[in-house]
Amino acid sequence: MIIPVRCFSCGKPIAQLWEEFKKRTNEGEDSKEAMDDLGLERYCCRSIFLGQVDTLELVNKFKKF
């Protein structure tokens, strides 16, 4: 799944924050602290980041018609 440009519920632009969030969490920082620092305060925006799954590598394995 690709991160949406704006939050589905409130419309806040969030796509520019995804790479920084991903980098911080991969380095071992707690996701709550990372979202707080990035300014994600609403639960709707946080749910998009917590529910995000990178499936691009998995999808690329399959051949196209």
PDB file of N, CA and C in Angstrom:
ATOM      1  N   MET A   1       0.837  -1.173   0.000  1.00  0.00           N
ATOM      2  CA  MET A   1       0.000   0.000   0.000  1.00  0.00           C
ATOM      3  C   MET A   1       0.886   1.241   0.000  1.00  0.00           C
ATOM      4  N   ILE A   2       0.476   2.253  -0.686  1.00  0.00           N
ATOM      5  CA  ILE A   2       1.210   3.506  -0.755  1.00  0.00           C
ATOM      6  C   ILE A   2       0.573   4.482   0.226  1.00  0.00           C
ATOM      7  N   ILE A   3       1.413   5.227   0.916  1.00  0.00           N
ATOM      8  CA  ILE A   3       0.908   6.195   1.892  1.00  0.00           C
ATOM      9  C   ILE A   3       0.110   7.273   1.160  1.00  0.00           C
ATOM     10  N   PRO A   4      -1.072   7.615   1.657  1.00  0.00           N
ATOM     11  CA  PRO A   4      -1.873   8.647   0.993  1.00  0.00           C
ATOM     12  C   PRO A   4      -1.271  10.038   1.198  1.00  0.00           C
ATOM     13  N   VAL A   5      -1.541  10.934   0.272  1.00  0.00           N
ATOM     14  CA  VAL A   5      -1.023  12.291   0.362  1.00  0.00           C
ATOM     15  C   VAL A   5      -1.660  13.020   1.536  1.00  0.00           C
ATOM     16  N   ARG A   6      -2.958  12.855   1.709  1.00  0.00           N
ATOM     17  CA  ARG A   6      -3.680  13.496   2.801  1.00  0.00           C
ATOM     18  C   ARG A   6      -4.384  12.440   3.640  1.00  0.00           C
ATOM     19  N   CYS A   7      -4.649  12.786   4.880  1.00  0.00           N
ATOM     20  CA  CYS A   7      -5.401  11.906   5.773  1.00  0.00           C
ATOM     21  C   CYS A   7      -6.815  11.748   5.222  1.00  0.00           C
ATOM     22  N   PHE A   8      -7.329  10.545   5.270  1.00  0.00           N
ATOM     23  CA  PHE A   8      -8.660  10.274   4.743  1.00  0.00           C
ATOM     24  C   PHE A   8      -9.748  11.006   5.520  1.00  0.00           C
ATOM     25  N   SER A   9      -9.567  11.168   6.823  1.00  0.00           N
ATOM     26  CA  SER A   9     -10.609  11.749   7.667  1.00  0.00           C
ATOM     27  C   SER A   9     -10.546  13.264   7.762  1.00  0.00           C
ATOM     28  N   CYS A  10      -9.368  13.783   8.098  1.00  0.00           N
ATOM     29  CA  CYS A  10      -9.283  15.222   8.374  1.00  0.00           C
ATOM     30  C   CYS A  10      -8.705  16.030   7.223  1.00  0.00           C
ATOM     31  N   GLY A  11      -8.023  15.407   6.290  1.00  0.00           N
ATOM     32  CA  GLY A  11      -7.481  16.104   5.142  1.00  0.00           C
ATOM     33  C   GLY A  11      -6.115  16.728   5.355  1.00  0.00           C
ATOM     34  N   LYS A  12      -5.467  16.462   6.486  1.00  0.00           N
ATOM     35  CA  LYS A  12      -4.140  17.020   6.760  1.00  0.00           C
ATOM     36  C   LYS A  12      -3.107  16.345   5.856  1.00  0.00           C
ATOM     37  N   PRO A  13      -2.205  17.115   5.222  1.00  0.00           N
ATOM     38  CA  PRO A  13      -1.141  16.508   4.413  1.00  0.00           C
ATOM     39  C   PRO A  13      -0.177  15.718   5.294  1.00  0.00           C
ATOM     40  N   ILE A  14       0.020  14.435   4.971  1.00  0.00           N
ATOM     41  CA  ILE A  14       0.863  13.584   5.812  1.00  0.00           C
ATOM     42  C   ILE A  14       1.936  12.824   5.042  1.00  0.00           C
ATOM     43  N   ALA A  15       1.880  12.809   3.719  1.00  0.00           N
ATOM     44  CA  ALA A  15       2.793  11.983   2.937  1.00  0.00           C
ATOM     45  C   ALA A  15       4.250  12.388   3.116  1.00  0.00           C
ATOM     46  N   GLN A  16       4.518  13.667   3.315  1.00  0.00           N
ATOM     47  CA  GLN A  16       5.896  14.132   3.440  1.00  0.00           C
ATOM     48  C   GLN A  16       6.536  13.658   4.742  1.00  0.00           C
ATOM     49  N   LEU A  17       5.750  13.196   5.686  1.00  0.00           N
ATOM     50  CA  LEU A  17       6.265  12.758   6.982  1.00  0.00           C
ATOM     51  C   LEU A  17       6.609  11.268   7.022  1.00  0.00           C
ATOM     52  N   TRP A  18       6.183  10.513   6.028  1.00  0.00           N
ATOM     53  CA  TRP A  18       6.309   9.053   6.054  1.00  0.00           C
ATOM     54  C   TRP A  18       7.765   8.596   6.067  1.00  0.00           C
ATOM     55  N   GLU A  19       8.616   9.152   5.202  1.00  0.00           N
ATOM     56  CA  GLU A  19      10.011   8.708   5.135  1.00  0.00           C
ATOM     57  C   GLU A  19      10.743   8.956   6.452  1.00  0.00           C
ATOM     58  N   GLU A  20      10.513  10.109   7.056  1.00  0.00           N
ATOM     59  CA  GLU A  20      11.155  10.417   8.340  1.00  0.00           C
ATOM     60  C   GLU A  20      10.652   9.473   9.433  1.00  0.00           C
ATOM     61  N   PHE A  21       9.360   9.189   9.440  1.00  0.00           N
ATOM     62  CA  PHE A  21       8.785   8.264  10.422  1.00  0.00           C
ATOM     63  C   PHE A  21       9.370   6.868  10.242  1.00  0.00           C
ATOM     64  N   LYS A  22       9.461   6.430   9.003  1.00  0.00           N
ATOM     65  CA  LYS A  22       9.989   5.098   8.711  1.00  0.00           C
ATOM     66  C   LYS A  22      11.452   4.990   9.131  1.00  0.00           C
ATOM     67  N   LYS A  23      12.228   6.035   8.863  1.00  0.00           N
ATOM     68  CA  LYS A  23      13.647   6.045   9.235  1.00  0.00           C
ATOM     69  C   LYS A  23      13.811   5.977  10.748  1.00  0.00           C
ATOM     70  N   ARG A  24      13.021   6.764  11.457  1.00  0.00           N
ATOM     71  CA  ARG A  24      13.131   6.783  12.919  1.00  0.00           C
ATOM     72  C   ARG A  24      12.735   5.463  13.546  1.00  0.00           C
ATOM     73  N   THR A  25      11.663   4.866  13.074  1.00  0.00           N
ATOM     74  CA  THR A  25      11.220   3.605  13.673  1.00  0.00           C
ATOM     75  C   THR A  25      12.169   2.465  13.330  1.00  0.00           C
ATOM     76  N   ASN A  26      12.790   2.498  12.158  1.00  0.00           N
ATOM     77  CA  ASN A  26      13.778   1.471  11.813  1.00  0.00           C
ATOM     78  C   ASN A  26      15.034   1.586  12.661  1.00  0.00           C
ATOM     79  N   GLU A  27      15.340   2.793  13.126  1.00  0.00           N
ATOM     80  CA  GLU A  27      16.493   3.002  13.999  1.00  0.00           C
ATOM     81  C   GLU A  27      16.202   2.604  15.441  1.00  0.00           C
ATOM     82  N   GLY A  28      14.943   2.299  15.749  1.00  0.00           N
ATOM     83  CA  GLY A  28      14.600   1.814  17.078  1.00  0.00           C
ATOM     84  C   GLY A  28      13.832   2.790  17.942  1.00  0.00           C
ATOM     85  N   GLU A  29      13.506   3.957  17.416  1.00  0.00           N
ATOM     86  CA  GLU A  29      12.742   4.926  18.191  1.00  0.00           C
ATOM     87  C   GLU A  29      11.293   4.461  18.313  1.00  0.00           C
ATOM     88  N   ASP A  30      10.699   4.748  19.437  1.00  0.00           N
ATOM     89  CA  ASP A  30       9.309   4.389  19.673  1.00  0.00           C
ATOM     90  C   ASP A  30       8.405   5.145  18.695  1.00  0.00           C
ATOM     91  N   SER A  31       7.413   4.463  18.134  1.00  0.00           N
ATOM     92  CA  SER A  31       6.548   5.090  17.132  1.00  0.00           C
ATOM     93  C   SER A  31       5.741   6.238  17.723  1.00  0.00           C
ATOM     94  N   LYS A  32       5.373   6.144  18.992  1.00  0.00           N
ATOM     95  CA  LYS A  32       4.634   7.235  19.631  1.00  0.00           C
ATOM     96  C   LYS A  32       5.468   8.507  19.690  1.00  0.00           C
ATOM     97  N   GLU A  33       6.726   8.375  20.099  1.00  0.00           N
ATOM     98  CA  GLU A  33       7.606   9.534  20.180  1.00  0.00           C
ATOM     99  C   GLU A  33       7.876  10.129  18.801  1.00  0.00           C
ATOM    100  N   ALA A  34       8.038   9.277  17.810  1.00  0.00           N
ATOM    101  CA  ALA A  34       8.300   9.755  16.457  1.00  0.00           C
ATOM    102  C   ALA A  34       7.102  10.525  15.916  1.00  0.00           C
ATOM    103  N   MET A  35       5.896  10.014  16.138  1.00  0.00           N
ATOM    104  CA  MET A  35       4.699  10.707  15.658  1.00  0.00           C
ATOM    105  C   MET A  35       4.486  12.022  16.411  1.00  0.00           C
ATOM    106  N   ASP A  36       4.786  12.041  17.694  1.00  0.00           N
ATOM    107  CA  ASP A  36       4.669  13.282  18.464  1.00  0.00           C
ATOM    108  C   ASP A  36       5.631  14.345  17.936  1.00  0.00           C
ATOM    109  N   ASP A  37       6.874  13.955  17.653  1.00  0.00           N
ATOM    110  CA  ASP A  37       7.866  14.897  17.136  1.00  0.00           C
ATOM    111  C   ASP A  37       7.512  15.403  15.748  1.00  0.00           C
ATOM    112  N   LEU A  38       6.891  14.552  14.925  1.00  0.00           N
ATOM    113  CA  LEU A  38       6.526  14.947  13.568  1.00  0.00           C
ATOM    114  C   LEU A  38       5.252  15.785  13.523  1.00  0.00           C
ATOM    115  N   GLY A  39       4.541  15.869  14.628  1.00  0.00           N
ATOM    116  CA  GLY A  39       3.349  16.706  14.685  1.00  0.00           C
ATOM    117  C   GLY A  39       2.061  15.976  14.353  1.00  0.00           C
ATOM    118  N   LEU A  40       2.074  14.661  14.396  1.00  0.00           N
ATOM    119  CA  LEU A  40       0.850  13.889  14.171  1.00  0.00           C
ATOM    120  C   LEU A  40       0.130  13.742  15.505  1.00  0.00           C
ATOM    121  N   GLU A  41      -0.890  14.558  15.715  1.00  0.00           N
ATOM    122  CA  GLU A  41      -1.596  14.540  16.991  1.00  0.00           C
ATOM    123  C   GLU A  41      -2.954  13.874  16.901  1.00  0.00           C
ATOM    124  N   ARG A  42      -3.585  13.928  15.757  1.00  0.00           N
ATOM    125  CA  ARG A  42      -4.930  13.362  15.611  1.00  0.00           C
ATOM    126  C   ARG A  42      -4.854  11.849  15.448  1.00  0.00           C
ATOM    127  N   TYR A  43      -5.806  11.166  16.020  1.00  0.00           N
ATOM    128  CA  TYR A  43      -5.794   9.704  15.969  1.00  0.00           C
ATOM    129  C   TYR A  43      -6.025   9.175  14.561  1.00  0.00           C
ATOM    130  N   CYS A  44      -6.724   9.949  13.718  1.00  0.00           N
ATOM    131  CA  CYS A  44      -6.969   9.479  12.351  1.00  0.00           C
ATOM    132  C   CYS A  44      -5.666   9.443  11.560  1.00  0.00           C
ATOM    133  N   CYS A  45      -4.820  10.449  11.725  1.00  0.00           N
ATOM    134  CA  CYS A  45      -3.526  10.480  11.031  1.00  0.00           C
ATOM    135  C   CYS A  45      -2.592   9.397  11.580  1.00  0.00           C
ATOM    136  N   ARG A  46      -2.607   9.222  12.876  1.00  0.00           N
ATOM    137  CA  ARG A  46      -1.765   8.199  13.504  1.00  0.00           C
ATOM    138  C   ARG A  46      -2.155   6.791  13.047  1.00  0.00           C
ATOM    139  N   SER A  47      -3.446   6.567  12.877  1.00  0.00           N
ATOM    140  CA  SER A  47      -3.889   5.231  12.471  1.00  0.00           C
ATOM    141  C   SER A  47      -3.410   4.884  11.066  1.00  0.00           C
ATOM    142  N   ILE A  48      -3.296   5.881  10.196  1.00  0.00           N
ATOM    143  CA  ILE A  48      -2.786   5.621   8.851  1.00  0.00           C
ATOM    144  C   ILE A  48      -1.323   5.195   8.927  1.00  0.00           C
ATOM    145  N   PHE A  49      -0.537   5.864   9.759  1.00  0.00           N
ATOM    146  CA  PHE A  49       0.876   5.523   9.873  1.00  0.00           C
ATOM    147  C   PHE A  49       1.071   4.164  10.549  1.00  0.00           C
ATOM    148  N   LEU A  50       0.278   3.868  11.563  1.00  0.00           N
ATOM    149  CA  LEU A  50       0.437   2.594  12.259  1.00  0.00           C
ATOM    150  C   LEU A  50      -0.103   1.415  11.444  1.00  0.00           C
ATOM    151  N   GLY A  51      -1.075   1.674  10.594  1.00  0.00           N
ATOM    152  CA  GLY A  51      -1.660   0.610   9.782  1.00  0.00           C
ATOM    153  C   GLY A  51      -0.991   0.407   8.445  1.00  0.00           C
ATOM    154  N   GLN A  52       0.036   1.195   8.147  1.00  0.00           N
ATOM    155  CA  GLN A  52       0.728   1.125   6.864  1.00  0.00           C
ATOM    156  C   GLN A  52       1.582  -0.130   6.778  1.00  0.00           C
ATOM    157  N   VAL A  53       1.472  -0.859   5.672  1.00  0.00           N
ATOM    158  CA  VAL A  53       2.288  -2.036   5.424  1.00  0.00           C
ATOM    159  C   VAL A  53       2.927  -1.866   4.054  1.00  0.00           C
ATOM    160  N   ASP A  54       4.252  -1.990   3.986  1.00  0.00           N
ATOM    161  CA  ASP A  54       4.940  -1.879   2.708  1.00  0.00           C
ATOM    162  C   ASP A  54       4.851  -3.210   1.969  1.00  0.00           C
ATOM    163  N   THR A  55       4.037  -3.254   0.948  1.00  0.00           N
ATOM    164  CA  THR A  55       3.865  -4.479   0.176  1.00  0.00           C
ATOM    165  C   THR A  55       4.423  -4.358  -1.233  1.00  0.00           C
ATOM    166  N   LEU A  56       5.138  -3.289  -1.526  1.00  0.00           N
ATOM    167  CA  LEU A  56       5.644  -3.061  -2.862  1.00  0.00           C
ATOM    168  C   LEU A  56       6.618  -4.154  -3.292  1.00  0.00           C
ATOM    169  N   GLU A  57       7.508  -4.575  -2.400  1.00  0.00           N
ATOM    170  CA  GLU A  57       8.463  -5.628  -2.748  1.00  0.00           C
ATOM    171  C   GLU A  57       7.751  -6.942  -3.023  1.00  0.00           C
ATOM    172  N   LEU A  58       6.717  -7.233  -2.273  1.00  0.00           N
ATOM    173  CA  LEU A  58       5.956  -8.462  -2.476  1.00  0.00           C
ATOM    174  C   LEU A  58       5.213  -8.439  -3.805  1.00  0.00           C
ATOM    175  N   VAL A  59       4.610  -7.321  -4.133  1.00  0.00           N
ATOM    176  CA  VAL A  59       3.837  -7.206  -5.368  1.00  0.00           C
ATOM    177  C   VAL A  59       4.759  -7.255  -6.587  1.00  0.00           C
ATOM    178  N   ASN A  60       5.967  -6.715  -6.472  1.00  0.00           N
ATOM    179  CA  ASN A  60       6.896  -6.697  -7.594  1.00  0.00           C
ATOM    180  C   ASN A  60       7.375  -8.079  -8.002  1.00  0.00           C
ATOM    181  N   LYS A  61       7.222  -9.080  -7.158  1.00  0.00           N
ATOM    182  CA  LYS A  61       7.653 -10.440  -7.486  1.00  0.00           C
ATOM    183  C   LYS A  61       6.772 -11.086  -8.543  1.00  0.00           C
ATOM    184  N   PHE A  62       5.541 -10.649  -8.658  1.00  0.00           N
ATOM    185  CA  PHE A  62       4.610 -11.269  -9.582  1.00  0.00           C
ATOM    186  C   PHE A  62       4.728 -10.642 -10.962  1.00  0.00           C
ATOM    187  N   LYS A  63       4.594 -11.452 -11.972  1.00  0.00           N
ATOM    188  CA  LYS A  63       4.704 -10.975 -13.350  1.00  0.00           C
ATOM    189  C   LYS A  63       3.427 -10.277 -13.777  1.00  0.00           C
ATOM    190  N   LYS A  64       3.607  -9.318 -14.657  1.00  0.00           N
ATOM    191  CA  LYS A  64       2.437  -8.644 -15.227  1.00  0.00           C
ATOM    192  C   LYS A  64       2.018  -9.387 -16.485  1.00  0.00           C
ATOM    193  N   PHE A  65       0.796  -9.226 -16.889  1.00  0.00           N
ATOM    194  CA  PHE A  65       0.300  -9.936 -18.065  1.00  0.00           C
ATOM    195  C   PHE A  65       0.867  -9.403 -19.326  1.00  0.00           C
TER     196      PHE A  65
END
